[in-house]
Amino acid sequence: MTNKNVPLSVLDLVPIGEGFTISEAINNSTKLAQKVEEFGFNRYWVAEHHNFSSIASAATSVILSHIGAKTEKIRIGSGGIMLPNHPPLVIAEQFGTLESMYPNRIDLGLGRAPGTDGKTALAIRRDIHNDGSDFPNMLEELESYFYDEFSKTGVKAVPGFGLEIPIWLLGSSTFSARLAAIKGLPFAFASHFAPDSMMEAINVYKTNFRPSKQLKEPYIIICINAVCATTNEEAQYLATTEKQKFLYIQRGVDKLIPKPTNDMDSLWEDWEKRSITHKLRESIWGTPEIVKERLDALVKKTGANEIMINSWIHDPEKRIESYKLISDIW
C-alpha cells in the first residue's frame, strides 16, 4: 500500500490553551475543521473527555453539530463516544440526528473507557459497578437501533432508525481490536497515547476479522501526534507543548494547554523524560520531509488504511499551518 492510497484525517480534543477562553477554543477548532476540509483531509473526529481544564469536547455531539454546520463535505464523527457513559438509545438518537442533518458525513467511533478520572466517571455513570465490562452488550443494543427493523426491546430510535451509520471501535489494547474483528467493524488504534500494544492489536484485529454487512475486509486507522513546521527547530519547539501536556497528565496536574518552552529540562526529572519519551515514541515532529518519511514508515510497519493526526500545538494558527504542511507533502 502506497501513501497515495492512505488518506489523512484529524483527531481534535478542542484544546483550551493558556490565554484562551472556552469559546475561543471552540472557535479555533471550528476554523481548523474548515481549513482541513480545504486541505483535503478525510475525516474530522472529536473525542469525549470530562473534567479536564484543557479539553472542551465533553459534549461531543453538540460540538459535532456545530462543526457540521460550518463545513460542507468532510466526514465528521466521534473519536470517540465513551459508550458506557451513555444509554445506547440516547447515542443512537444523537447520531441519528446528526446523520439526518448532515447525510453521509457521520462516523460513530466508540470507546469503553470513561474518558476521565474515577470520581467523574461515577458522576456520569451513577453506578459504582459500571466499569465498561458490558460494552459488547451495549454495542449490540446500539447497533440494533440503527440496523434492525425494531430493536429487541421494541424501542425505536427516532432519528436513528434505519440510518446504518458507520460504527468504529477505538482502542489502546487488544480488547477492542478483537471485538471489532469479531463484529466486522473498522478499528482505530490510539498510538498517540498508548503505542505499546499497537502491533499486537493490529495483528489480533487482522487475524480474527470476520466480514460483516458494514465491512468486507479489515480497515485500520492509526492515530498519532504530529507537529510540522518549516524548520526542524520550530517543530521541536512547538512539540514541547505536547511534552508538557503528557508530563502534567503523568503528574496528575490539571492545566490548560501550555505554551511551548525553550527549556524542557528545567520542567521534568530524568525519569519523567524517559517515561514520556517512551510514551510519545510514535509522535512525529519535524519538517514536511521528516514527517513524510516517518508517516511512510508508519504505514509500512502497520499496514494502516488511514492515518489520523492529533496535534497539541498551542498557537491555533501554527496548528493549522502544521496540518497544511503535512497535507501538501502527502
C-alpha atoms as a PDB file:
ATOM      1  CA  MET A   1       0.000   0.000   0.000  1.00  0.00           C
ATOM      2  CA  THR A   2       1.491   3.340  -1.021  1.00  0.00           C
ATOM      3  CA  ASN A   3       0.802   6.577   0.772  1.00  0.00           C
ATOM      4  CA  LYS A   4      -1.226   7.717  -2.267  1.00  0.00           C
ATOM      5  CA  ASN A   5      -3.886   5.216  -1.152  1.00  0.00           C
ATOM      6  CA  VAL A   6      -3.741   6.242   2.514  1.00  0.00           C
ATOM      7  CA  PRO A   7      -5.933   9.210   3.434  1.00  0.00           C
ATOM      8  CA  LEU A   8      -5.131  11.552   6.302  1.00  0.00           C
ATOM      9  CA  SER A   9      -7.679  12.545   8.932  1.00  0.00           C
ATOM     10  CA  VAL A  10      -7.792  14.731  12.038  1.00  0.00           C
ATOM     11  CA  LEU A  11      -8.475  13.995  15.686  1.00  0.00           C
ATOM     12  CA  ASP A  12      -9.341  17.032  17.793  1.00  0.00           C
ATOM     13  CA  LEU A  13      -9.962  17.345  21.525  1.00  0.00           C
ATOM     14  CA  VAL A  14     -10.939  21.031  21.217  1.00  0.00           C
ATOM     15  CA  PRO A  15      -7.906  22.069  23.288  1.00  0.00           C
ATOM     16  CA  ILE A  16      -8.121  25.072  25.619  1.00  0.00           C
ATOM     17  CA  GLY A  17      -4.716  26.757  25.614  1.00  0.00           C
ATOM     18  CA  GLU A  18      -3.248  29.166  28.104  1.00  0.00           C
ATOM     19  CA  GLY A  19      -4.638  32.610  27.340  1.00  0.00           C
ATOM     20  CA  PHE A  20      -7.757  31.300  25.553  1.00  0.00           C
ATOM     21  CA  THR A  21     -11.373  31.063  26.713  1.00  0.00           C
ATOM     22  CA  ILE A  22     -13.557  28.014  26.065  1.00  0.00           C
ATOM     23  CA  SER A  23     -15.487  29.988  23.438  1.00  0.00           C
ATOM     24  CA  GLU A  24     -12.228  30.809  21.681  1.00  0.00           C
ATOM     25  CA  ALA A  25     -11.137  27.167  21.861  1.00  0.00           C
ATOM     26  CA  ILE A  26     -14.365  26.065  20.151  1.00  0.00           C
ATOM     27  CA  ASN A  27     -13.925  28.766  17.516  1.00  0.00           C
ATOM     28  CA  ASN A  28     -10.307  27.678  16.971  1.00  0.00           C
ATOM     29  CA  SER A  29     -11.389  24.073  16.399  1.00  0.00           C
ATOM     30  CA  THR A  30     -14.187  25.167  14.083  1.00  0.00           C
ATOM     31  CA  LYS A  31     -11.694  27.113  11.995  1.00  0.00           C
ATOM     32  CA  LEU A  32      -9.362  24.108  11.997  1.00  0.00           C
ATOM     33  CA  ALA A  33     -12.163  21.872  10.694  1.00  0.00           C
ATOM     34  CA  GLN A  34     -12.902  24.328   7.899  1.00  0.00           C
ATOM     35  CA  LYS A  35      -9.233  24.541   6.955  1.00  0.00           C
ATOM     36  CA  VAL A  36      -8.509  20.785   6.973  1.00  0.00           C
ATOM     37  CA  GLU A  37     -11.589  20.325   4.790  1.00  0.00           C
ATOM     38  CA  GLU A  38      -9.956  22.748   2.316  1.00  0.00           C
ATOM     39  CA  PHE A  39      -6.663  20.854   2.619  1.00  0.00           C
ATOM     40  CA  GLY A  40      -8.355  17.568   1.636  1.00  0.00           C
ATOM     41  CA  PHE A  41      -8.343  15.667   4.932  1.00  0.00           C
ATOM     42  CA  ASN A  42     -10.792  12.756   5.003  1.00  0.00           C
ATOM     43  CA  ARG A  43     -12.371  12.989   8.471  1.00  0.00           C
ATOM     44  CA  TYR A  44     -12.544  15.278  11.453  1.00  0.00           C
ATOM     45  CA  TRP A  45     -13.188  13.406  14.701  1.00  0.00           C
ATOM     46  CA  VAL A  46     -13.803  14.816  18.177  1.00  0.00           C
ATOM     47  CA  ALA A  47     -13.057  12.879  21.373  1.00  0.00           C
ATOM     48  CA  GLU A  48     -15.195  12.756  24.523  1.00  0.00           C
ATOM     49  CA  HIS A  49     -13.328  13.799  27.676  1.00  0.00           C
ATOM     50  CA  HIS A  50     -14.628  15.081  31.002  1.00  0.00           C
ATOM     51  CA  ASN A  51     -13.251  17.187  33.860  1.00  0.00           C
ATOM     52  CA  PHE A  52     -10.138  18.375  32.004  1.00  0.00           C
ATOM     53  CA  SER A  53      -9.483  22.128  32.208  1.00  0.00           C
ATOM     54  CA  SER A  54      -7.684  21.832  28.865  1.00  0.00           C
ATOM     55  CA  ILE A  55     -10.325  19.995  26.796  1.00  0.00           C
ATOM     56  CA  ALA A  56     -13.670  21.442  25.615  1.00  0.00           C
ATOM     57  CA  SER A  57     -15.074  18.372  23.820  1.00  0.00           C
ATOM     58  CA  ALA A  58     -17.164  16.915  26.671  1.00  0.00           C
ATOM     59  CA  ALA A  59     -20.487  17.445  24.859  1.00  0.00           C
ATOM     60  CA  THR A  60     -19.157  15.685  21.772  1.00  0.00           C
ATOM     61  CA  SER A  61     -22.402  15.532  19.791  1.00  0.00           C
ATOM     62  CA  VAL A  62     -23.025  19.248  20.334  1.00  0.00           C
ATOM     63  CA  ILE A  63     -19.541  20.131  19.065  1.00  0.00           C
ATOM     64  CA  LEU A  64     -20.048  17.882  16.024  1.00  0.00           C
ATOM     65  CA  SER A  65     -23.359  19.547  15.242  1.00  0.00           C
ATOM     66  CA  HIS A  66     -21.640  22.933  15.248  1.00  0.00           C
ATOM     67  CA  ILE A  67     -18.715  21.692  13.120  1.00  0.00           C
ATOM     68  CA  GLY A  68     -21.138  20.087  10.673  1.00  0.00           C
ATOM     69  CA  ALA A  69     -22.948  23.383  10.179  1.00  0.00           C
ATOM     70  CA  LYS A  70     -19.678  25.195   9.470  1.00  0.00           C
ATOM     71  CA  THR A  71     -18.285  22.649   6.966  1.00  0.00           C
ATOM     72  CA  GLU A  72     -19.623  21.132   3.766  1.00  0.00           C
ATOM     73  CA  LYS A  73     -18.212  17.730   2.893  1.00  0.00           C
ATOM     74  CA  ILE A  74     -15.574  16.458   5.337  1.00  0.00           C
ATOM     75  CA  ARG A  75     -16.736  13.427   7.318  1.00  0.00           C
ATOM     76  CA  ILE A  76     -17.264  14.287  10.986  1.00  0.00           C
ATOM     77  CA  GLY A  77     -17.517  11.914  13.892  1.00  0.00           C
ATOM     78  CA  SER A  78     -16.622  10.842  17.381  1.00  0.00           C
ATOM     79  CA  GLY A  79     -13.186   9.597  18.191  1.00  0.00           C
ATOM     80  CA  GLY A  80     -14.832   8.547  20.330  1.00  0.00           C
ATOM     81  CA  ILE A  81     -18.019   8.475  22.284  1.00  0.00           C
ATOM     82  CA  MET A  82     -17.347   6.563  25.516  1.00  0.00           C
ATOM     83  CA  LEU A  83     -20.388   4.311  25.265  1.00  0.00           C
ATOM     84  CA  PRO A  84     -20.597   3.123  28.916  1.00  0.00           C
ATOM     85  CA  ASN A  85     -21.143   6.790  29.867  1.00  0.00           C
ATOM     86  CA  HIS A  86     -24.455   6.872  27.974  1.00  0.00           C
ATOM     87  CA  PRO A  87     -27.642   4.910  27.342  1.00  0.00           C
ATOM     88  CA  PRO A  88     -27.228   3.429  23.829  1.00  0.00           C
ATOM     89  CA  LEU A  89     -30.649   4.776  22.805  1.00  0.00           C
ATOM     90  CA  VAL A  90     -29.530   8.362  23.545  1.00  0.00           C
ATOM     91  CA  ILE A  91     -26.399   7.932  21.388  1.00  0.00           C
ATOM     92  CA  ALA A  92     -28.498   6.407  18.591  1.00  0.00           C
ATOM     93  CA  GLU A  93     -30.819   9.412  18.718  1.00  0.00           C
ATOM     94  CA  GLN A  94     -27.968  11.947  18.877  1.00  0.00           C
ATOM     95  CA  PHE A  95     -26.075  10.440  15.952  1.00  0.00           C
ATOM     96  CA  GLY A  96     -29.287   9.732  14.090  1.00  0.00           C
ATOM     97  CA  THR A  97     -29.996  13.459  14.401  1.00  0.00           C
ATOM     98  CA  LEU A  98     -26.501  14.330  13.167  1.00  0.00           C
ATOM     99  CA  GLU A  99     -26.835  11.950  10.206  1.00  0.00           C
ATOM    100  CA  SER A 100     -30.231  13.451   9.379  1.00  0.00           C
ATOM    101  CA  MET A 101     -28.729  16.955   9.453  1.00  0.00           C
ATOM    102  CA  TYR A 102     -25.513  16.046   7.593  1.00  0.00           C
ATOM    103  CA  PRO A 103     -26.313  12.962   5.454  1.00  0.00           C
ATOM    104  CA  ASN A 104     -23.500  10.535   4.612  1.00  0.00           C
ATOM    105  CA  ARG A 105     -20.974  12.514   6.637  1.00  0.00           C
ATOM    106  CA  ILE A 106     -21.265  10.978  10.129  1.00  0.00           C
ATOM    107  CA  ASP A 107     -18.982   8.399  11.789  1.00  0.00           C
ATOM    108  CA  LEU A 108     -19.750   6.936  15.205  1.00  0.00           C
ATOM    109  CA  GLY A 109     -16.498   5.920  16.870  1.00  0.00           C
ATOM    110  CA  LEU A 110     -16.909   4.176  20.226  1.00  0.00           C
ATOM    111  CA  GLY A 111     -14.652   3.557  23.215  1.00  0.00           C
ATOM    112  CA  ARG A 112     -15.247   1.794  26.532  1.00  0.00           C
ATOM    113  CA  ALA A 113     -13.022   3.870  28.837  1.00  0.00           C
ATOM    114  CA  PRO A 114     -14.671   6.703  30.794  1.00  0.00           C
ATOM    115  CA  GLY A 115     -12.505   9.442  29.276  1.00  0.00           C
ATOM    116  CA  THR A 116     -11.940  10.865  32.731  1.00  0.00           C
ATOM    117  CA  ASP A 117     -10.999  10.077  36.359  1.00  0.00           C
ATOM    118  CA  GLY A 118     -12.891   7.652  38.603  1.00  0.00           C
ATOM    119  CA  LYS A 119     -14.781  10.283  40.576  1.00  0.00           C
ATOM    120  CA  THR A 120     -16.038  11.986  37.407  1.00  0.00           C
ATOM    121  CA  ALA A 121     -16.891   8.630  35.829  1.00  0.00           C
ATOM    122  CA  LEU A 122     -19.112   7.884  38.825  1.00  0.00           C
ATOM    123  CA  ALA A 123     -20.781  11.276  38.452  1.00  0.00           C
ATOM    124  CA  ILE A 124     -21.555  10.415  34.818  1.00  0.00           C
ATOM    125  CA  ARG A 125     -22.406   6.733  35.118  1.00  0.00           C
ATOM    126  CA  ARG A 126     -24.166   6.879  38.510  1.00  0.00           C
ATOM    127  CA  ASP A 127     -23.164   3.278  39.202  1.00  0.00           C
ATOM    128  CA  ILE A 128     -20.063   2.028  41.045  1.00  0.00           C
ATOM    129  CA  HIS A 129     -20.369  -1.287  39.185  1.00  0.00           C
ATOM    130  CA  ASN A 130     -20.316   0.253  35.698  1.00  0.00           C
ATOM    131  CA  ASP A 131     -16.720  -0.457  34.657  1.00  0.00           C
ATOM    132  CA  GLY A 132     -17.349  -0.792  30.928  1.00  0.00           C
ATOM    133  CA  SER A 133     -17.358  -4.602  31.035  1.00  0.00           C
ATOM    134  CA  ASP A 134     -20.801  -4.733  29.407  1.00  0.00           C
ATOM    135  CA  PHE A 135     -19.526  -2.719  26.437  1.00  0.00           C
ATOM    136  CA  PRO A 136     -20.153  -5.597  23.953  1.00  0.00           C
ATOM    137  CA  ASN A 137     -23.798  -5.801  25.053  1.00  0.00           C
ATOM    138  CA  MET A 138     -24.204  -2.024  24.859  1.00  0.00           C
ATOM    139  CA  LEU A 139     -22.693  -2.090  21.370  1.00  0.00           C
ATOM    140  CA  GLU A 140     -25.169  -4.733  20.262  1.00  0.00           C
ATOM    141  CA  GLU A 141     -28.066  -2.710  21.628  1.00  0.00           C
ATOM    142  CA  LEU A 142     -26.817   0.444  19.894  1.00  0.00           C
ATOM    143  CA  GLU A 143     -26.437  -1.386  16.571  1.00  0.00           C
ATOM    144  CA  SER A 144     -29.996  -2.663  16.847  1.00  0.00           C
ATOM    145  CA  TYR A 145     -31.347   0.896  16.894  1.00  0.00           C
ATOM    146  CA  PHE A 146     -29.676   1.616  13.535  1.00  0.00           C
ATOM    147  CA  TYR A 147     -29.927  -1.684  11.708  1.00  0.00           C
ATOM    148  CA  ASP A 148     -32.872  -3.734  12.978  1.00  0.00           C
ATOM    149  CA  GLU A 149     -36.443  -3.161  11.892  1.00  0.00           C
ATOM    150  CA  PHE A 150     -37.096  -2.709  15.588  1.00  0.00           C
ATOM    151  CA  SER A 151     -34.725  -3.160  18.478  1.00  0.00           C
ATOM    152  CA  LYS A 152     -35.245  -6.262  20.596  1.00  0.00           C
ATOM    153  CA  THR A 153     -36.877  -4.114  23.256  1.00  0.00           C
ATOM    154  CA  GLY A 154     -39.458  -2.763  20.808  1.00  0.00           C
ATOM    155  CA  VAL A 155     -37.982   0.730  21.252  1.00  0.00           C
ATOM    156  CA  LYS A 156     -37.334   2.770  18.118  1.00  0.00           C
ATOM    157  CA  ALA A 157     -34.632   5.435  17.790  1.00  0.00           C
ATOM    158  CA  VAL A 158     -36.130   8.456  16.054  1.00  0.00           C
ATOM    159  CA  PRO A 159     -33.968   9.821  14.451  1.00  0.00           C
ATOM    160  CA  GLY A 160     -31.625   6.856  14.062  1.00  0.00           C
ATOM    161  CA  PHE A 161     -33.803   4.013  12.880  1.00  0.00           C
ATOM    162  CA  GLY A 162     -32.683   2.592   9.527  1.00  0.00           C
ATOM    163  CA  LEU A 163     -29.785   5.007   9.041  1.00  0.00           C
ATOM    164  CA  GLU A 164     -26.984   2.409   9.283  1.00  0.00           C
ATOM    165  CA  ILE A 165     -24.410   4.956  10.475  1.00  0.00           C
ATOM    166  CA  PRO A 166     -20.858   3.564  10.224  1.00  0.00           C
ATOM    167  CA  ILE A 167     -19.698   2.342  13.639  1.00  0.00           C
ATOM    168  CA  TRP A 168     -15.998   2.244  14.513  1.00  0.00           C
ATOM    169  CA  LEU A 169     -14.351   0.722  17.562  1.00  0.00           C
ATOM    170  CA  LEU A 170     -11.493   2.637  19.162  1.00  0.00           C
ATOM    171  CA  GLY A 171      -8.902   1.096  21.397  1.00  0.00           C
ATOM    172  CA  SER A 172      -5.497   1.222  23.028  1.00  0.00           C
ATOM    173  CA  SER A 173      -5.329  -2.530  23.731  1.00  0.00           C
ATOM    174  CA  THR A 174      -6.305  -5.847  22.170  1.00  0.00           C
ATOM    175  CA  PHE A 175      -9.814  -5.904  23.726  1.00  0.00           C
ATOM    176  CA  SER A 176     -11.467  -3.568  21.215  1.00  0.00           C
ATOM    177  CA  ALA A 177      -9.278  -4.942  18.417  1.00  0.00           C
ATOM    178  CA  ARG A 178     -10.679  -8.426  18.979  1.00  0.00           C
ATOM    179  CA  LEU A 179     -14.250  -7.194  19.371  1.00  0.00           C
ATOM    180  CA  ALA A 180     -14.000  -5.070  16.200  1.00  0.00           C
ATOM    181  CA  ALA A 181     -12.662  -8.102  14.324  1.00  0.00           C
ATOM    182  CA  ILE A 182     -15.437 -10.412  15.509  1.00  0.00           C
ATOM    183  CA  LYS A 183     -18.106  -7.809  14.725  1.00  0.00           C
ATOM    184  CA  GLY A 184     -16.586  -6.946  11.328  1.00  0.00           C
ATOM    185  CA  LEU A 185     -16.156  -3.279  12.229  1.00  0.00           C
ATOM    186  CA  PRO A 186     -13.359  -0.843  11.320  1.00  0.00           C
ATOM    187  CA  PHE A 187     -10.812  -0.278  14.082  1.00  0.00           C
ATOM    188  CA  ALA A 188      -8.892   2.836  15.163  1.00  0.00           C
ATOM    189  CA  PHE A 189      -5.838   2.387  17.389  1.00  0.00           C
ATOM    190  CA  ALA A 190      -4.678   5.089  19.816  1.00  0.00           C
ATOM    191  CA  SER A 191      -0.932   5.183  19.158  1.00  0.00           C
ATOM    192  CA  HIS A 192      -0.979   8.865  20.116  1.00  0.00           C
ATOM    193  CA  PHE A 193      -1.009   7.941  23.800  1.00  0.00           C
ATOM    194  CA  ALA A 194      -0.642   4.118  24.034  1.00  0.00           C
ATOM    195  CA  PRO A 195       1.807   2.777  21.419  1.00  0.00           C
ATOM    196  CA  ASP A 196       2.879  -0.262  23.448  1.00  0.00           C
ATOM    197  CA  SER A 197       0.107  -2.567  22.185  1.00  0.00           C
ATOM    198  CA  MET A 198      -0.074  -1.194  18.637  1.00  0.00           C
ATOM    199  CA  MET A 199       1.389  -4.077  16.646  1.00  0.00           C
ATOM    200  CA  GLU A 200      -0.250  -6.742  18.819  1.00  0.00           C
ATOM    201  CA  ALA A 201      -3.667  -5.088  18.463  1.00  0.00           C
ATOM    202  CA  ILE A 202      -3.272  -4.822  14.683  1.00  0.00           C
ATOM    203  CA  ASN A 203      -2.342  -8.495  14.479  1.00  0.00           C
ATOM    204  CA  VAL A 204      -5.293  -9.548  16.673  1.00  0.00           C
ATOM    205  CA  TYR A 205      -7.665  -7.476  14.550  1.00  0.00           C
ATOM    206  CA  LYS A 206      -6.449  -8.784  11.193  1.00  0.00           C
ATOM    207  CA  THR A 207      -6.178 -12.400  12.337  1.00  0.00           C
ATOM    208  CA  ASN A 208      -9.688 -12.567  13.809  1.00  0.00           C
ATOM    209  CA  PHE A 209     -11.554 -10.382  11.302  1.00  0.00           C
ATOM    210  CA  ARG A 210     -14.930 -11.620  10.073  1.00  0.00           C
ATOM    211  CA  PRO A 211     -16.653  -9.806   7.177  1.00  0.00           C
ATOM    212  CA  SER A 212     -19.908  -8.036   8.016  1.00  0.00           C
ATOM    213  CA  LYS A 213     -22.643  -6.043   6.336  1.00  0.00           C
ATOM    214  CA  GLN A 214     -20.654  -2.877   7.090  1.00  0.00           C
ATOM    215  CA  LEU A 215     -17.173  -4.082   6.145  1.00  0.00           C
ATOM    216  CA  LYS A 216     -15.836  -6.841   3.873  1.00  0.00           C
ATOM    217  CA  GLU A 217     -12.177  -6.713   4.910  1.00  0.00           C
ATOM    218  CA  PRO A 218     -10.155  -5.193   7.784  1.00  0.00           C
ATOM    219  CA  TYR A 219      -9.813  -1.413   7.925  1.00  0.00           C
ATOM    220  CA  ILE A 220      -7.421   0.213  10.380  1.00  0.00           C
ATOM    221  CA  ILE A 221      -6.853   3.831  11.345  1.00  0.00           C
ATOM    222  CA  ILE A 222      -3.659   4.551  13.268  1.00  0.00           C
ATOM    223  CA  CYS A 223      -3.824   7.757  15.314  1.00  0.00           C
ATOM    224  CA  ILE A 224      -0.610   9.616  16.098  1.00  0.00           C
ATOM    225  CA  ASN A 225       0.516  13.037  17.315  1.00  0.00           C
ATOM    226  CA  ALA A 226       2.310  15.192  14.771  1.00  0.00           C
ATOM    227  CA  VAL A 227       3.823  18.656  14.620  1.00  0.00           C
ATOM    228  CA  CYS A 228       5.093  20.024  11.317  1.00  0.00           C
ATOM    229  CA  ALA A 229       6.905  23.317  10.684  1.00  0.00           C
ATOM    230  CA  THR A 230       9.165  24.759   8.009  1.00  0.00           C
ATOM    231  CA  THR A 231      12.243  24.167  10.177  1.00  0.00           C
ATOM    232  CA  ASN A 232      13.037  21.254  12.457  1.00  0.00           C
ATOM    233  CA  GLU A 233      13.949  23.697  15.253  1.00  0.00           C
ATOM    234  CA  GLU A 234      10.498  25.279  15.189  1.00  0.00           C
ATOM    235  CA  ALA A 235       8.766  21.884  15.101  1.00  0.00           C
ATOM    236  CA  GLN A 236      10.761  20.680  18.121  1.00  0.00           C
ATOM    237  CA  TYR A 237       9.936  23.933  19.937  1.00  0.00           C
ATOM    238  CA  LEU A 238       6.197  23.665  19.195  1.00  0.00           C
ATOM    239  CA  ALA A 239       6.264  19.999  20.285  1.00  0.00           C
ATOM    240  CA  THR A 240       7.263  20.998  23.820  1.00  0.00           C
ATOM    241  CA  THR A 241       3.575  21.792  24.367  1.00  0.00           C
ATOM    242  CA  GLU A 242       2.784  18.112  23.780  1.00  0.00           C
ATOM    243  CA  LYS A 243       5.607  17.013  26.081  1.00  0.00           C
ATOM    244  CA  GLN A 244       4.380  19.325  28.848  1.00  0.00           C
ATOM    245  CA  LYS A 245       0.799  18.111  28.378  1.00  0.00           C
ATOM    246  CA  PHE A 246       1.864  14.498  28.934  1.00  0.00           C
ATOM    247  CA  LEU A 247       4.129  15.491  31.820  1.00  0.00           C
ATOM    248  CA  TYR A 248       1.210  17.128  33.644  1.00  0.00           C
ATOM    249  CA  ILE A 249      -1.062  14.148  32.916  1.00  0.00           C
ATOM    250  CA  GLN A 250       1.594  11.823  34.372  1.00  0.00           C
ATOM    251  CA  ARG A 251       1.824  14.007  37.486  1.00  0.00           C
ATOM    252  CA  GLY A 252      -1.965  14.245  37.820  1.00  0.00           C
ATOM    253  CA  VAL A 253      -1.854  18.020  37.388  1.00  0.00           C
ATOM    254  CA  ASP A 254      -4.790  19.634  35.583  1.00  0.00           C
ATOM    255  CA  LYS A 255      -3.609  22.599  33.494  1.00  0.00           C
ATOM    256  CA  LEU A 256      -4.576  24.432  30.329  1.00  0.00           C
ATOM    257  CA  ILE A 257      -2.624  23.516  27.179  1.00  0.00           C
ATOM    258  CA  PRO A 258       0.759  25.121  27.904  1.00  0.00           C
ATOM    259  CA  LYS A 259       2.719  27.462  25.687  1.00  0.00           C
ATOM    260  CA  PRO A 260       5.900  25.961  24.208  1.00  0.00           C
ATOM    261  CA  THR A 261       9.163  26.353  26.086  1.00  0.00           C
ATOM    262  CA  ASN A 262      12.838  26.567  25.201  1.00  0.00           C
ATOM    263  CA  ASP A 263      13.838  24.626  28.312  1.00  0.00           C
ATOM    264  CA  MET A 264      12.002  21.336  28.880  1.00  0.00           C
ATOM    265  CA  ASP A 265      14.851  20.031  31.019  1.00  0.00           C
ATOM    266  CA  SER A 266      14.059  22.568  33.725  1.00  0.00           C
ATOM    267  CA  LEU A 267      10.486  21.193  33.894  1.00  0.00           C
ATOM    268  CA  TRP A 268      10.949  17.431  34.169  1.00  0.00           C
ATOM    269  CA  GLU A 269      13.075  14.945  36.060  1.00  0.00           C
ATOM    270  CA  ASP A 270      15.248  12.488  34.127  1.00  0.00           C
ATOM    271  CA  TRP A 271      12.909   9.569  34.882  1.00  0.00           C
ATOM    272  CA  GLU A 272       9.917  11.605  33.687  1.00  0.00           C
ATOM    273  CA  LYS A 273      11.739  12.472  30.478  1.00  0.00           C
ATOM    274  CA  ARG A 274      12.472   8.786  29.842  1.00  0.00           C
ATOM    275  CA  SER A 275       8.883   7.762  30.562  1.00  0.00           C
ATOM    276  CA  ILE A 276       7.292  10.417  28.355  1.00  0.00           C
ATOM    277  CA  THR A 277       9.813   9.955  25.541  1.00  0.00           C
ATOM    278  CA  HIS A 278       8.846   6.265  25.534  1.00  0.00           C
ATOM    279  CA  LYS A 279       5.118   7.028  25.568  1.00  0.00           C
ATOM    280  CA  LEU A 280       5.462   9.553  22.721  1.00  0.00           C
ATOM    281  CA  ARG A 281       7.816   7.468  20.579  1.00  0.00           C
ATOM    282  CA  GLU A 282       5.310   7.312  17.700  1.00  0.00           C
ATOM    283  CA  SER A 283       4.859  11.101  17.741  1.00  0.00           C
ATOM    284  CA  ILE A 284       6.249  12.829  14.664  1.00  0.00           C
ATOM    285  CA  TRP A 285       7.827  16.284  14.951  1.00  0.00           C
ATOM    286  CA  GLY A 286       9.771  17.932  12.148  1.00  0.00           C
ATOM    287  CA  THR A 287       9.883  19.458   8.694  1.00  0.00           C
ATOM    288  CA  PRO A 288       7.490  18.247   5.979  1.00  0.00           C
ATOM    289  CA  GLU A 289      10.197  15.908   4.663  1.00  0.00           C
ATOM    290  CA  ILE A 290      10.773  14.369   8.103  1.00  0.00           C
ATOM    291  CA  VAL A 291       7.036  13.996   8.722  1.00  0.00           C
ATOM    292  CA  LYS A 292       6.506  12.333   5.337  1.00  0.00           C
ATOM    293  CA  GLU A 293       9.379   9.920   5.920  1.00  0.00           C
ATOM    294  CA  ARG A 294       8.036   8.960   9.344  1.00  0.00           C
ATOM    295  CA  LEU A 295       4.448   8.611   8.059  1.00  0.00           C
ATOM    296  CA  ASP A 296       5.656   6.402   5.207  1.00  0.00           C
ATOM    297  CA  ALA A 297       7.468   4.206   7.727  1.00  0.00           C
ATOM    298  CA  LEU A 298       4.390   4.040   9.956  1.00  0.00           C
ATOM    299  CA  VAL A 299       2.160   2.966   7.056  1.00  0.00           C
ATOM    300  CA  LYS A 300       4.714   0.341   6.010  1.00  0.00           C
ATOM    301  CA  LYS A 301       5.068  -1.007   9.553  1.00  0.00           C
ATOM    302  CA  THR A 302       1.359  -1.113  10.426  1.00  0.00           C
ATOM    303  CA  GLY A 303      -0.383  -1.595   7.089  1.00  0.00           C
ATOM    304  CA  ALA A 304      -2.664   1.286   8.117  1.00  0.00           C
ATOM    305  CA  ASN A 305      -5.528   2.085   5.759  1.00  0.00           C
ATOM    306  CA  GLU A 306      -5.685   5.631   7.106  1.00  0.00           C
ATOM    307  CA  ILE A 307      -3.637   7.894   9.405  1.00  0.00           C
ATOM    308  CA  MET A 308      -5.364  10.191  11.893  1.00  0.00           C
ATOM    309  CA  ILE A 309      -3.340  13.090  13.238  1.00  0.00           C
ATOM    310  CA  ASN A 310      -3.780  14.823  16.582  1.00  0.00           C
ATOM    311  CA  SER A 311      -1.797  17.998  17.180  1.00  0.00           C
ATOM    312  CA  TRP A 312      -1.002  19.570  20.552  1.00  0.00           C
ATOM    313  CA  ILE A 313       0.111  22.954  19.228  1.00  0.00           C
ATOM    314  CA  HIS A 314      -0.708  25.916  21.458  1.00  0.00           C
ATOM    315  CA  ASP A 315      -0.970  28.581  18.739  1.00  0.00           C
ATOM    316  CA  PRO A 316      -4.124  27.876  16.652  1.00  0.00           C
ATOM    317  CA  GLU A 317      -2.583  29.414  13.520  1.00  0.00           C
ATOM    318  CA  LYS A 318       0.549  27.285  13.883  1.00  0.00           C
ATOM    319  CA  ARG A 319      -1.719  24.246  14.342  1.00  0.00           C
ATOM    320  CA  ILE A 320      -3.483  24.994  11.056  1.00  0.00           C
ATOM    321  CA  GLU A 321      -0.127  25.574   9.347  1.00  0.00           C
ATOM    322  CA  SER A 322       1.116  22.195  10.612  1.00  0.00           C
ATOM    323  CA  TYR A 323      -1.820  20.366   9.025  1.00  0.00           C
ATOM    324  CA  LYS A 324      -1.373  22.366   5.800  1.00  0.00           C
ATOM    325  CA  LEU A 325       2.307  21.447   5.526  1.00  0.00           C
ATOM    326  CA  ILE A 326       1.519  17.768   6.136  1.00  0.00           C
ATOM    327  CA  SER A 327      -1.265  17.718   3.551  1.00  0.00           C
ATOM    328  CA  ASP A 328       0.972  19.442   0.982  1.00  0.00           C
ATOM    329  CA  ILE A 329       3.773  16.883   1.324  1.00  0.00           C
ATOM    330  CA  TRP A 330       1.432  13.876   1.493  1.00  0.00           C
END
